[in-house]
């Protein structure tokens, strides 16, 4: 079961990396480019693996802080919502840096909230 947990953590980190990479892809595409669908893919990967990690916690003997998980989930839902609402149109100037800031906030919560 430890392998499954580590695989989920690995995939969760790949989702985070994808979200960070999407910031750079979006910046390179220019201000007129629509949002890349990778934002949704990365956030969906993080959402699914995060839920799976929490759901498997009784089997893996891991105890998670559910308030922290709830805050991270809220930030991720905001990221997904902003992307979903702006996917097929030219995004406002604040959206790409705002999404990047939310991703960094989620990483900071994961690392520094004990």
PDB file of N, CA and C in Angstrom:
ATOM      1  N   UNK A   1       0.829  -1.193   0.000  1.00  0.00           N
ATOM      2  CA  UNK A   1       0.000   0.000   0.000  1.00  0.00           C
ATOM      3  C   UNK A   1       0.874   1.257   0.000  1.00  0.00           C
ATOM      4  N   UNK A   2       2.089   1.111   0.529  1.00  0.00           N
ATOM      5  CA  UNK A   2       2.976   2.268   0.560  1.00  0.00           C
ATOM      6  C   UNK A   2       3.355   2.699  -0.857  1.00  0.00           C
ATOM      7  N   UNK A   3       3.505   1.721  -1.769  1.00  0.00           N
ATOM      8  CA  UNK A   3       3.814   2.065  -3.159  1.00  0.00           C
ATOM      9  C   UNK A   3       2.688   2.884  -3.781  1.00  0.00           C
ATOM     10  N   UNK A   4       1.450   2.514  -3.510  1.00  0.00           N
ATOM     11  CA  UNK A   4       0.301   3.238  -4.061  1.00  0.00           C
ATOM     12  C   UNK A   4       0.295   4.673  -3.543  1.00  0.00           C
ATOM     13  N   UNK A   5       0.549   4.845  -2.247  1.00  0.00           N
ATOM     14  CA  UNK A   5       0.594   6.187  -1.666  1.00  0.00           C
ATOM     15  C   UNK A   5       1.705   7.014  -2.302  1.00  0.00           C
ATOM     16  N   UNK A   6       2.892   6.415  -2.449  1.00  0.00           N
ATOM     17  CA  UNK A   6       4.006   7.136  -3.059  1.00  0.00           C
ATOM     18  C   UNK A   6       3.720   7.474  -4.523  1.00  0.00           C
ATOM     19  N   UNK A   7       3.051   6.568  -5.236  1.00  0.00           N
ATOM     20  CA  UNK A   7       2.675   6.839  -6.620  1.00  0.00           C
ATOM     21  C   UNK A   7       1.701   8.010  -6.692  1.00  0.00           C
ATOM     22  N   UNK A   8       0.744   8.054  -5.771  1.00  0.00           N
ATOM     23  CA  UNK A   8      -0.205   9.167  -5.740  1.00  0.00           C
ATOM     24  C   UNK A   8       0.481  10.485  -5.395  1.00  0.00           C
ATOM     25  N   UNK A   9       1.423  10.451  -4.461  1.00  0.00           N
ATOM     26  CA  UNK A   9       2.187  11.664  -4.131  1.00  0.00           C
ATOM     27  C   UNK A   9       2.985  12.122  -5.344  1.00  0.00           C
ATOM     28  N   UNK A  10       3.600  11.174  -6.039  1.00  0.00           N
ATOM     29  CA  UNK A  10       4.362  11.482  -7.250  1.00  0.00           C
ATOM     30  C   UNK A  10       3.479  12.162  -8.297  1.00  0.00           C
ATOM     31  N   UNK A  11       2.306  11.580  -8.550  1.00  0.00           N
ATOM     32  CA  UNK A  11       1.384  12.161  -9.530  1.00  0.00           C
ATOM     33  C   UNK A  11       0.853  13.521  -9.065  1.00  0.00           C
ATOM     34  N   UNK A  12       0.649  13.669  -7.760  1.00  0.00           N
ATOM     35  CA  UNK A  12       0.194  14.940  -7.203  1.00  0.00           C
ATOM     36  C   UNK A  12       1.249  16.028  -7.449  1.00  0.00           C
ATOM     37  N   UNK A  13       2.502  15.679  -7.253  1.00  0.00           N
ATOM     38  CA  UNK A  13       3.583  16.635  -7.501  1.00  0.00           C
ATOM     39  C   UNK A  13       3.729  16.941  -8.996  1.00  0.00           C
ATOM     40  N   UNK A  14       3.490  15.956  -9.839  1.00  0.00           N
ATOM     41  CA  UNK A  14       3.511  16.221 -11.282  1.00  0.00           C
ATOM     42  C   UNK A  14       2.408  17.196 -11.675  1.00  0.00           C
ATOM     43  N   UNK A  15       1.240  17.072 -11.051  1.00  0.00           N
ATOM     44  CA  UNK A  15       0.155  18.020 -11.301  1.00  0.00           C
ATOM     45  C   UNK A  15       0.550  19.426 -10.902  1.00  0.00           C
ATOM     46  N   UNK A  16       1.235  19.548  -9.768  1.00  0.00           N
ATOM     47  CA  UNK A  16       1.706  20.859  -9.340  1.00  0.00           C
ATOM     48  C   UNK A  16       2.735  21.405 -10.327  1.00  0.00           C
ATOM     49  N   UNK A  17       3.631  20.543 -10.761  1.00  0.00           N
ATOM     50  CA  UNK A  17       4.620  20.966 -11.751  1.00  0.00           C
ATOM     51  C   UNK A  17       3.980  21.400 -13.056  1.00  0.00           C
ATOM     52  N   UNK A  18       2.912  20.711 -13.430  1.00  0.00           N
ATOM     53  CA  UNK A  18       2.199  21.082 -14.653  1.00  0.00           C
ATOM     54  C   UNK A  18       1.579  22.466 -14.517  1.00  0.00           C
ATOM     55  N   UNK A  19       1.033  22.764 -13.352  1.00  0.00           N
ATOM     56  CA  UNK A  19       0.437  24.086 -13.145  1.00  0.00           C
ATOM     57  C   UNK A  19       1.495  25.184 -13.194  1.00  0.00           C
ATOM     58  N   UNK A  20       2.655  24.924 -12.624  1.00  0.00           N
ATOM     59  CA  UNK A  20       3.734  25.915 -12.682  1.00  0.00           C
ATOM     60  C   UNK A  20       4.221  26.081 -14.116  1.00  0.00           C
ATOM     61  N   UNK A  21       4.332  24.964 -14.844  1.00  0.00           N
ATOM     62  CA  UNK A  21       4.762  25.032 -16.240  1.00  0.00           C
ATOM     63  C   UNK A  21       3.757  25.801 -17.089  1.00  0.00           C
ATOM     64  N   UNK A  22       2.468  25.678 -16.769  1.00  0.00           N
ATOM     65  CA  UNK A  22       1.450  26.380 -17.547  1.00  0.00           C
ATOM     66  C   UNK A  22       1.603  27.893 -17.438  1.00  0.00           C
ATOM     67  N   UNK A  23       2.100  28.365 -16.305  1.00  0.00           N
ATOM     68  CA  UNK A  23       2.360  29.801 -16.171  1.00  0.00           C
ATOM     69  C   UNK A  23       3.373  30.245 -17.226  1.00  0.00           C
ATOM     70  N   UNK A  24       4.460  29.477 -17.361  1.00  0.00           N
ATOM     71  CA  UNK A  24       5.499  29.839 -18.324  1.00  0.00           C
ATOM     72  C   UNK A  24       5.016  29.658 -19.764  1.00  0.00           C
ATOM     73  N   UNK A  25       4.226  28.615 -20.014  1.00  0.00           N
ATOM     74  CA  UNK A  25       3.656  28.409 -21.349  1.00  0.00           C
ATOM     75  C   UNK A  25       2.730  29.571 -21.697  1.00  0.00           C
ATOM     76  N   UNK A  26       1.932  29.987 -20.735  1.00  0.00           N
ATOM     77  CA  UNK A  26       0.985  31.080 -20.970  1.00  0.00           C
ATOM     78  C   UNK A  26       1.717  32.390 -21.223  1.00  0.00           C
ATOM     79  N   UNK A  27       2.766  32.636 -20.467  1.00  0.00           N
ATOM     80  CA  UNK A  27       3.533  33.875 -20.662  1.00  0.00           C
ATOM     81  C   UNK A  27       4.198  33.897 -22.026  1.00  0.00           C
ATOM     82  N   UNK A  28       4.694  32.737 -22.463  1.00  0.00           N
ATOM     83  CA  UNK A  28       5.357  32.665 -23.763  1.00  0.00           C
ATOM     84  C   UNK A  28       4.352  32.828 -24.908  1.00  0.00           C
ATOM     85  N   UNK A  29       3.131  32.348 -24.699  1.00  0.00           N
ATOM     86  CA  UNK A  29       2.099  32.438 -25.753  1.00  0.00           C
ATOM     87  C   UNK A  29       1.666  33.880 -25.994  1.00  0.00           C
ATOM     88  N   UNK A  30       1.819  34.727 -24.998  1.00  0.00           N
ATOM     89  CA  UNK A  30       1.472  36.132 -25.171  1.00  0.00           C
ATOM     90  C   UNK A  30       0.146  36.479 -24.522  1.00  0.00           C
ATOM     91  N   UNK A  31      -0.097  37.759 -24.417  1.00  0.00           N
ATOM     92  CA  UNK A  31      -1.287  38.258 -23.718  1.00  0.00           C
ATOM     93  C   UNK A  31      -2.571  37.999 -24.493  1.00  0.00           C
ATOM     94  N   UNK A  32      -2.477  37.848 -25.811  1.00  0.00           N
ATOM     95  CA  UNK A  32      -3.671  37.641 -26.621  1.00  0.00           C
ATOM     96  C   UNK A  32      -4.102  36.177 -26.695  1.00  0.00           C
ATOM     97  N   UNK A  33      -3.265  35.275 -26.230  1.00  0.00           N
ATOM     98  CA  UNK A  33      -3.555  33.840 -26.355  1.00  0.00           C
ATOM     99  C   UNK A  33      -4.603  33.407 -25.327  1.00  0.00           C
ATOM    100  N   UNK A  34      -5.496  32.503 -25.717  1.00  0.00           N
ATOM    101  CA  UNK A  34      -6.450  31.962 -24.743  1.00  0.00           C
ATOM    102  C   UNK A  34      -5.717  31.086 -23.731  1.00  0.00           C
ATOM    103  N   UNK A  35      -6.370  30.816 -22.612  1.00  0.00           N
ATOM    104  CA  UNK A  35      -5.746  29.981 -21.593  1.00  0.00           C
ATOM    105  C   UNK A  35      -5.520  28.575 -22.129  1.00  0.00           C
ATOM    106  N   UNK A  36      -4.392  28.020 -21.781  1.00  0.00           N
ATOM    107  CA  UNK A  36      -4.029  26.673 -22.186  1.00  0.00           C
ATOM    108  C   UNK A  36      -4.850  25.655 -21.390  1.00  0.00           C
ATOM    109  N   UNK A  37      -5.282  24.586 -22.034  1.00  0.00           N
ATOM    110  CA  UNK A  37      -6.065  23.561 -21.341  1.00  0.00           C
ATOM    111  C   UNK A  37      -5.239  22.790 -20.317  1.00  0.00           C
ATOM    112  N   UNK A  38      -3.937  22.943 -20.367  1.00  0.00           N
ATOM    113  CA  UNK A  38      -3.072  22.312 -19.374  1.00  0.00           C
ATOM    114  C   UNK A  38      -3.372  22.770 -17.957  1.00  0.00           C
ATOM    115  N   UNK A  39      -3.891  23.995 -17.820  1.00  0.00           N
ATOM    116  CA  UNK A  39      -4.308  24.476 -16.492  1.00  0.00           C
ATOM    117  C   UNK A  39      -5.358  23.535 -15.907  1.00  0.00           C
ATOM    118  N   UNK A  40      -6.334  23.154 -16.731  1.00  0.00           N
ATOM    119  CA  UNK A  40      -7.386  22.251 -16.258  1.00  0.00           C
ATOM    120  C   UNK A  40      -6.838  20.854 -15.996  1.00  0.00           C
ATOM    121  N   UNK A  41      -5.963  20.382 -16.863  1.00  0.00           N
ATOM    122  CA  UNK A  41      -5.403  19.052 -16.693  1.00  0.00           C
ATOM    123  C   UNK A  41      -4.575  18.956 -15.412  1.00  0.00           C
ATOM    124  N   UNK A  42      -3.751  19.964 -15.169  1.00  0.00           N
ATOM    125  CA  UNK A  42      -2.941  19.963 -13.948  1.00  0.00           C
ATOM    126  C   UNK A  42      -3.783  20.051 -12.690  1.00  0.00           C
ATOM    127  N   UNK A  43      -4.798  20.904 -12.721  1.00  0.00           N
ATOM    128  CA  UNK A  43      -5.650  21.031 -11.529  1.00  0.00           C
ATOM    129  C   UNK A  43      -6.490  19.774 -11.322  1.00  0.00           C
ATOM    130  N   UNK A  44      -6.936  19.139 -12.413  1.00  0.00           N
ATOM    131  CA  UNK A  44      -7.694  17.892 -12.282  1.00  0.00           C
ATOM    132  C   UNK A  44      -6.812  16.777 -11.727  1.00  0.00           C
ATOM    133  N   UNK A  45      -5.561  16.717 -12.183  1.00  0.00           N
ATOM    134  CA  UNK A  45      -4.636  15.706 -11.657  1.00  0.00           C
ATOM    135  C   UNK A  45      -4.398  15.922 -10.175  1.00  0.00           C
ATOM    136  N   UNK A  46      -4.212  17.159  -9.775  1.00  0.00           N
ATOM    137  CA  UNK A  46      -4.025  17.451  -8.359  1.00  0.00           C
ATOM    138  C   UNK A  46      -5.273  17.106  -7.559  1.00  0.00           C
ATOM    139  N   UNK A  47      -6.433  17.444  -8.086  1.00  0.00           N
ATOM    140  CA  UNK A  47      -7.682  17.167  -7.387  1.00  0.00           C
ATOM    141  C   UNK A  47      -7.881  15.663  -7.196  1.00  0.00           C
ATOM    142  N   UNK A  48      -7.741  14.899  -8.259  1.00  0.00           N
ATOM    143  CA  UNK A  48      -7.986  13.455  -8.172  1.00  0.00           C
ATOM    144  C   UNK A  48      -6.978  12.751  -7.273  1.00  0.00           C
ATOM    145  N   UNK A  49      -5.709  13.088  -7.406  1.00  0.00           N
ATOM    146  CA  UNK A  49      -4.707  12.431  -6.570  1.00  0.00           C
ATOM    147  C   UNK A  49      -4.813  12.884  -5.117  1.00  0.00           C
ATOM    148  N   UNK A  50      -5.164  14.143  -4.894  1.00  0.00           N
ATOM    149  CA  UNK A  50      -5.351  14.615  -3.522  1.00  0.00           C
ATOM    150  C   UNK A  50      -6.506  13.918  -2.830  1.00  0.00           C
ATOM    151  N   UNK A  51      -7.625  13.771  -3.554  1.00  0.00           N
ATOM    152  CA  UNK A  51      -8.771  13.065  -2.987  1.00  0.00           C
ATOM    153  C   UNK A  51      -8.411  11.608  -2.721  1.00  0.00           C
ATOM    154  N   UNK A  52      -7.689  10.988  -3.648  1.00  0.00           N
ATOM    155  CA  UNK A  52      -7.292   9.588  -3.457  1.00  0.00           C
ATOM    156  C   UNK A  52      -6.366   9.438  -2.258  1.00  0.00           C
ATOM    157  N   UNK A  53      -5.451  10.366  -2.075  1.00  0.00           N
ATOM    158  CA  UNK A  53      -4.541  10.299  -0.919  1.00  0.00           C
ATOM    159  C   UNK A  53      -5.303  10.390   0.394  1.00  0.00           C
ATOM    160  N   UNK A  54      -6.262  11.301   0.459  1.00  0.00           N
ATOM    161  CA  UNK A  54      -7.051  11.453   1.685  1.00  0.00           C
ATOM    162  C   UNK A  54      -7.953  10.237   1.894  1.00  0.00           C
ATOM    163  N   UNK A  55      -8.528   9.726   0.809  1.00  0.00           N
ATOM    164  CA  UNK A  55      -9.414   8.569   0.925  1.00  0.00           C
ATOM    165  C   UNK A  55      -8.663   7.315   1.369  1.00  0.00           C
ATOM    166  N   UNK A  56      -7.411   7.189   0.966  1.00  0.00           N
ATOM    167  CA  UNK A  56      -6.621   6.015   1.332  1.00  0.00           C
ATOM    168  C   UNK A  56      -5.895   6.169   2.663  1.00  0.00           C
ATOM    169  N   UNK A  57      -6.057   7.301   3.318  1.00  0.00           N
ATOM    170  CA  UNK A  57      -5.322   7.541   4.561  1.00  0.00           C
ATOM    171  C   UNK A  57      -5.559   6.479   5.641  1.00  0.00           C
ATOM    172  N   UNK A  58      -6.763   5.934   5.806  1.00  0.00           N
ATOM    173  CA  UNK A  58      -6.909   4.875   6.812  1.00  0.00           C
ATOM    174  C   UNK A  58      -6.113   3.614   6.480  1.00  0.00           C
ATOM    175  N   UNK A  59      -5.932   3.339   5.200  1.00  0.00           N
ATOM    176  CA  UNK A  59      -5.193   2.144   4.791  1.00  0.00           C
ATOM    177  C   UNK A  59      -3.685   2.342   4.858  1.00  0.00           C
ATOM    178  N   UNK A  60      -3.241   3.583   4.777  1.00  0.00           N
ATOM    179  CA  UNK A  60      -1.799   3.868   4.762  1.00  0.00           C
ATOM    180  C   UNK A  60      -1.292   4.385   6.097  1.00  0.00           C
ATOM    181  N   UNK A  61      -2.154   4.430   7.093  1.00  0.00           N
ATOM    182  CA  UNK A  61      -1.788   4.905   8.440  1.00  0.00           C
ATOM    183  C   UNK A  61      -1.242   6.325   8.435  1.00  0.00           C
ATOM    184  N   UNK A  62      -1.724   7.147   7.515  1.00  0.00           N
ATOM    185  CA  UNK A  62      -1.352   8.560   7.466  1.00  0.00           C
ATOM    186  C   UNK A  62      -2.503   9.380   8.033  1.00  0.00           C
ATOM    187  N   UNK A  63      -2.150  10.375   8.826  1.00  0.00           N
ATOM    188  CA  UNK A  63      -3.162  11.249   9.416  1.00  0.00           C
ATOM    189  C   UNK A  63      -2.980  12.639   8.825  1.00  0.00           C
ATOM    190  N   UNK A  64      -3.981  13.116   8.099  1.00  0.00           N
ATOM    191  CA  UNK A  64      -3.910  14.413   7.449  1.00  0.00           C
ATOM    192  C   UNK A  64      -4.708  15.448   8.232  1.00  0.00           C
ATOM    193  N   UNK A  65      -4.247  16.687   8.167  1.00  0.00           N
ATOM    194  CA  UNK A  65      -4.950  17.809   8.758  1.00  0.00           C
ATOM    195  C   UNK A  65      -6.079  18.189   7.802  1.00  0.00           C
ATOM    196  N   UNK A  66      -7.308  17.894   8.178  1.00  0.00           N
ATOM    197  CA  UNK A  66      -8.424  18.075   7.264  1.00  0.00           C
ATOM    198  C   UNK A  66      -8.766  19.542   7.013  1.00  0.00           C
ATOM    199  N   UNK A  67      -8.440  20.413   7.932  1.00  0.00           N
ATOM    200  CA  UNK A  67      -8.638  21.844   7.684  1.00  0.00           C
ATOM    201  C   UNK A  67      -7.672  22.307   6.592  1.00  0.00           C
ATOM    202  N   UNK A  68      -6.429  21.882   6.695  1.00  0.00           N
ATOM    203  CA  UNK A  68      -5.429  22.207   5.684  1.00  0.00           C
ATOM    204  C   UNK A  68      -5.851  21.654   4.327  1.00  0.00           C
ATOM    205  N   UNK A  69      -6.305  20.418   4.289  1.00  0.00           N
ATOM    206  CA  UNK A  69      -6.745  19.799   3.040  1.00  0.00           C
ATOM    207  C   UNK A  69      -7.931  20.578   2.457  1.00  0.00           C
ATOM    208  N   UNK A  70      -8.842  21.027   3.324  1.00  0.00           N
ATOM    209  CA  UNK A  70      -9.989  21.803   2.869  1.00  0.00           C
ATOM    210  C   UNK A  70      -9.583  23.133   2.265  1.00  0.00           C
ATOM    211  N   UNK A  71      -8.606  23.804   2.865  1.00  0.00           N
ATOM    212  CA  UNK A  71      -8.130  25.086   2.330  1.00  0.00           C
ATOM    213  C   UNK A  71      -7.445  24.862   0.984  1.00  0.00           C
ATOM    214  N   UNK A  72      -6.625  23.820   0.896  1.00  0.00           N
ATOM    215  CA  UNK A  72      -5.971  23.506  -0.370  1.00  0.00           C
ATOM    216  C   UNK A  72      -6.999  23.166  -1.450  1.00  0.00           C
ATOM    217  N   UNK A  73      -8.046  22.443  -1.074  1.00  0.00           N
ATOM    218  CA  UNK A  73      -9.104  22.106  -2.010  1.00  0.00           C
ATOM    219  C   UNK A  73      -9.818  23.369  -2.498  1.00  0.00           C
ATOM    220  N   UNK A  74     -10.079  24.292  -1.585  1.00  0.00           N
ATOM    221  CA  UNK A  74     -10.728  25.544  -1.953  1.00  0.00           C
ATOM    222  C   UNK A  74      -9.882  26.335  -2.944  1.00  0.00           C
ATOM    223  N   UNK A  75      -8.591  26.439  -2.689  1.00  0.00           N
ATOM    224  CA  UNK A  75      -7.699  27.165  -3.603  1.00  0.00           C
ATOM    225  C   UNK A  75      -7.690  26.480  -4.966  1.00  0.00           C
ATOM    226  N   UNK A  76      -7.654  25.159  -4.981  1.00  0.00           N
ATOM    227  CA  UNK A  76      -7.644  24.420  -6.243  1.00  0.00           C
ATOM    228  C   UNK A  76      -8.952  24.595  -7.009  1.00  0.00           C
ATOM    229  N   UNK A  77     -10.068  24.631  -6.305  1.00  0.00           N
ATOM    230  CA  UNK A  77     -11.367  24.857  -6.957  1.00  0.00           C
ATOM    231  C   UNK A  77     -11.417  26.269  -7.549  1.00  0.00           C
ATOM    232  N   UNK A  78     -10.849  27.238  -6.857  1.00  0.00           N
ATOM    233  CA  UNK A  78     -10.790  28.610  -7.391  1.00  0.00           C
ATOM    234  C   UNK A  78      -9.946  28.633  -8.664  1.00  0.00           C
ATOM    235  N   UNK A  79      -8.807  27.942  -8.654  1.00  0.00           N
ATOM    236  CA  UNK A  79      -7.968  27.867  -9.854  1.00  0.00           C
ATOM    237  C   UNK A  79      -8.765  27.260 -11.006  1.00  0.00           C
ATOM    238  N   UNK A  80      -9.381  26.109 -10.763  1.00  0.00           N
ATOM    239  CA  UNK A  80     -10.163  25.450 -11.809  1.00  0.00           C
ATOM    240  C   UNK A  80     -11.323  26.296 -12.290  1.00  0.00           C
ATOM    241  N   UNK A  81     -11.981  26.994 -11.375  1.00  0.00           N
ATOM    242  CA  UNK A  81     -13.104  27.851 -11.760  1.00  0.00           C
ATOM    243  C   UNK A  81     -12.680  29.014 -12.625  1.00  0.00           C
ATOM    244  N   UNK A  82     -11.591  29.662 -12.242  1.00  0.00           N
ATOM    245  CA  UNK A  82     -11.094  30.793 -13.050  1.00  0.00           C
ATOM    246  C   UNK A  82     -10.719  30.309 -14.443  1.00  0.00           C
ATOM    247  N   UNK A  83     -10.048  29.168 -14.525  1.00  0.00           N
ATOM    248  CA  UNK A  83      -9.654  28.645 -15.835  1.00  0.00           C
ATOM    249  C   UNK A  83     -10.883  28.265 -16.653  1.00  0.00           C
ATOM    250  N   UNK A  84     -11.834  27.579 -16.030  1.00  0.00           N
ATOM    251  CA  UNK A  84     -13.028  27.143 -16.757  1.00  0.00           C
ATOM    252  C   UNK A  84     -13.833  28.327 -17.288  1.00  0.00           C
ATOM    253  N   UNK A  85     -13.913  29.391 -16.523  1.00  0.00           N
ATOM    254  CA  UNK A  85     -14.671  30.561 -16.954  1.00  0.00           C
ATOM    255  C   UNK A  85     -13.976  31.352 -18.059  1.00  0.00           C
ATOM    256  N   UNK A  86     -12.658  31.209 -18.171  1.00  0.00           N
ATOM    257  CA  UNK A  86     -11.903  32.013 -19.130  1.00  0.00           C
ATOM    258  C   UNK A  86     -11.210  31.187 -20.204  1.00  0.00           C
ATOM    259  N   UNK A  87     -11.624  29.944 -20.367  1.00  0.00           N
ATOM    260  CA  UNK A  87     -10.911  29.035 -21.266  1.00  0.00           C
ATOM    261  C   UNK A  87     -11.042  29.415 -22.732  1.00  0.00           C
ATOM    262  N   UNK A  88     -12.188  29.801 -23.177  1.00  0.00           N
ATOM    263  CA  UNK A  88     -12.416  30.039 -24.601  1.00  0.00           C
ATOM    264  C   UNK A  88     -12.440  31.510 -24.990  1.00  0.00           C
ATOM    265  N   UNK A  89     -11.871  32.348 -24.156  1.00  0.00           N
ATOM    266  CA  UNK A  89     -11.818  33.764 -24.503  1.00  0.00           C
ATOM    267  C   UNK A  89     -10.470  34.337 -24.079  1.00  0.00           C
ATOM    268  N   UNK A  90     -10.197  35.528 -24.563  1.00  0.00           N
ATOM    269  CA  UNK A  90      -8.945  36.186 -24.193  1.00  0.00           C
ATOM    270  C   UNK A  90      -9.006  36.532 -22.707  1.00  0.00           C
ATOM    271  N   UNK A  91      -8.056  36.025 -21.920  1.00  0.00           N
ATOM    272  CA  UNK A  91      -8.106  36.297 -20.483  1.00  0.00           C
ATOM    273  C   UNK A  91      -7.685  37.735 -20.166  1.00  0.00           C
ATOM    274  N   UNK A  92      -8.198  38.235 -19.060  1.00  0.00           N
ATOM    275  CA  UNK A  92      -7.777  39.551 -18.582  1.00  0.00           C
ATOM    276  C   UNK A  92      -6.302  39.486 -18.183  1.00  0.00           C
ATOM    277  N   UNK A  93      -5.685  40.641 -18.099  1.00  0.00           N
ATOM    278  CA  UNK A  93      -4.244  40.704 -17.832  1.00  0.00           C
ATOM    279  C   UNK A  93      -3.864  40.105 -16.477  1.00  0.00           C
ATOM    280  N   UNK A  94      -4.766  40.120 -15.522  1.00  0.00           N
ATOM    281  CA  UNK A  94      -4.441  39.649 -14.173  1.00  0.00           C
ATOM    282  C   UNK A  94      -4.570  38.136 -14.009  1.00  0.00           C
ATOM    283  N   UNK A  95      -5.182  37.453 -14.971  1.00  0.00           N
ATOM    284  CA  UNK A  95      -5.513  36.041 -14.768  1.00  0.00           C
ATOM    285  C   UNK A  95      -4.270  35.155 -14.694  1.00  0.00           C
ATOM    286  N   UNK A  96      -3.350  35.290 -15.631  1.00  0.00           N
ATOM    287  CA  UNK A  96      -2.163  34.421 -15.601  1.00  0.00           C
ATOM    288  C   UNK A  96      -1.328  34.625 -14.339  1.00  0.00           C
ATOM    289  N   UNK A  97      -0.977  35.859 -13.961  1.00  0.00           N
ATOM    290  CA  UNK A  97      -0.230  36.001 -12.709  1.00  0.00           C
ATOM    291  C   UNK A  97      -1.064  35.625 -11.485  1.00  0.00           C
ATOM    292  N   UNK A  98      -2.387  35.847 -11.556  1.00  0.00           N
ATOM    293  CA  UNK A  98      -3.257  35.463 -10.443  1.00  0.00           C
ATOM    294  C   UNK A  98      -3.289  33.957 -10.253  1.00  0.00           C
ATOM    295  N   UNK A  99      -3.382  33.220 -11.357  1.00  0.00           N
ATOM    296  CA  UNK A  99      -3.359  31.760 -11.272  1.00  0.00           C
ATOM    297  C   UNK A  99      -2.018  31.275 -10.735  1.00  0.00           C
ATOM    298  N   UNK A 100      -0.935  31.876 -11.198  1.00  0.00           N
ATOM    299  CA  UNK A 100       0.389  31.494 -10.701  1.00  0.00           C
ATOM    300  C   UNK A 100       0.500  31.759  -9.202  1.00  0.00           C
ATOM    301  N   UNK A 101      -0.039  32.890  -8.763  1.00  0.00           N
ATOM    302  CA  UNK A 101      -0.019  33.200  -7.337  1.00  0.00           C
ATOM    303  C   UNK A 101      -0.814  32.197  -6.516  1.00  0.00           C
ATOM    304  N   UNK A 102      -1.957  31.758  -7.045  1.00  0.00           N
ATOM    305  CA  UNK A 102      -2.752  30.748  -6.343  1.00  0.00           C
ATOM    306  C   UNK A 102      -2.029  29.406  -6.276  1.00  0.00           C
ATOM    307  N   UNK A 103      -1.321  29.060  -7.344  1.00  0.00           N
ATOM    308  CA  UNK A 103      -0.547  27.810  -7.326  1.00  0.00           C
ATOM    309  C   UNK A 103       0.557  27.897  -6.274  1.00  0.00           C
ATOM    310  N   UNK A 104       1.254  29.022  -6.243  1.00  0.00           N
ATOM    311  CA  UNK A 104       2.313  29.206  -5.241  1.00  0.00           C
ATOM    312  C   UNK A 104       1.719  29.202  -3.836  1.00  0.00           C
ATOM    313  N   UNK A 105       0.558  29.814  -3.656  1.00  0.00           N
ATOM    314  CA  UNK A 105      -0.118  29.786  -2.360  1.00  0.00           C
ATOM    315  C   UNK A 105      -0.423  28.350  -1.945  1.00  0.00           C
ATOM    316  N   UNK A 106      -0.905  27.534  -2.872  1.00  0.00           N
ATOM    317  CA  UNK A 106      -1.229  26.147  -2.555  1.00  0.00           C
ATOM    318  C   UNK A 106       0.025  25.359  -2.177  1.00  0.00           C
ATOM    319  N   UNK A 107       1.118  25.603  -2.869  1.00  0.00           N
ATOM    320  CA  UNK A 107       2.373  24.940  -2.517  1.00  0.00           C
ATOM    321  C   UNK A 107       2.854  25.405  -1.154  1.00  0.00           C
ATOM    322  N   UNK A 108       2.734  26.692  -0.870  1.00  0.00           N
ATOM    323  CA  UNK A 108       3.155  27.220   0.429  1.00  0.00           C
ATOM    324  C   UNK A 108       2.311  26.625   1.568  1.00  0.00           C
ATOM    325  N   UNK A 109       1.020  26.476   1.338  1.00  0.00           N
ATOM    326  CA  UNK A 109       0.166  25.853   2.354  1.00  0.00           C
ATOM    327  C   UNK A 109       0.608  24.421   2.588  1.00  0.00           C
ATOM    328  N   UNK A 110       0.904  23.699   1.525  1.00  0.00           N
ATOM    329  CA  UNK A 110       1.331  22.305   1.649  1.00  0.00           C
ATOM    330  C   UNK A 110       2.637  22.172   2.428  1.00  0.00           C
ATOM    331  N   UNK A 111       3.544  23.103   2.206  1.00  0.00           N
ATOM    332  CA  UNK A 111       4.881  22.993   2.815  1.00  0.00           C
ATOM    333  C   UNK A 111       4.922  23.566   4.227  1.00  0.00           C
ATOM    334  N   UNK A 112       4.351  24.735   4.417  1.00  0.00           N
ATOM    335  CA  UNK A 112       4.548  25.438   5.683  1.00  0.00           C
ATOM    336  C   UNK A 112       3.467  25.222   6.728  1.00  0.00           C
ATOM    337  N   UNK A 113       2.283  24.772   6.347  1.00  0.00           N
ATOM    338  CA  UNK A 113       1.215  24.521   7.313  1.00  0.00           C
ATOM    339  C   UNK A 113       1.412  23.124   7.883  1.00  0.00           C
ATOM    340  N   UNK A 114       1.768  23.059   9.135  1.00  0.00           N
ATOM    341  CA  UNK A 114       2.034  21.742   9.744  1.00  0.00           C
ATOM    342  C   UNK A 114       0.891  21.281  10.621  1.00  0.00           C
TER     343      UNK A 114
END
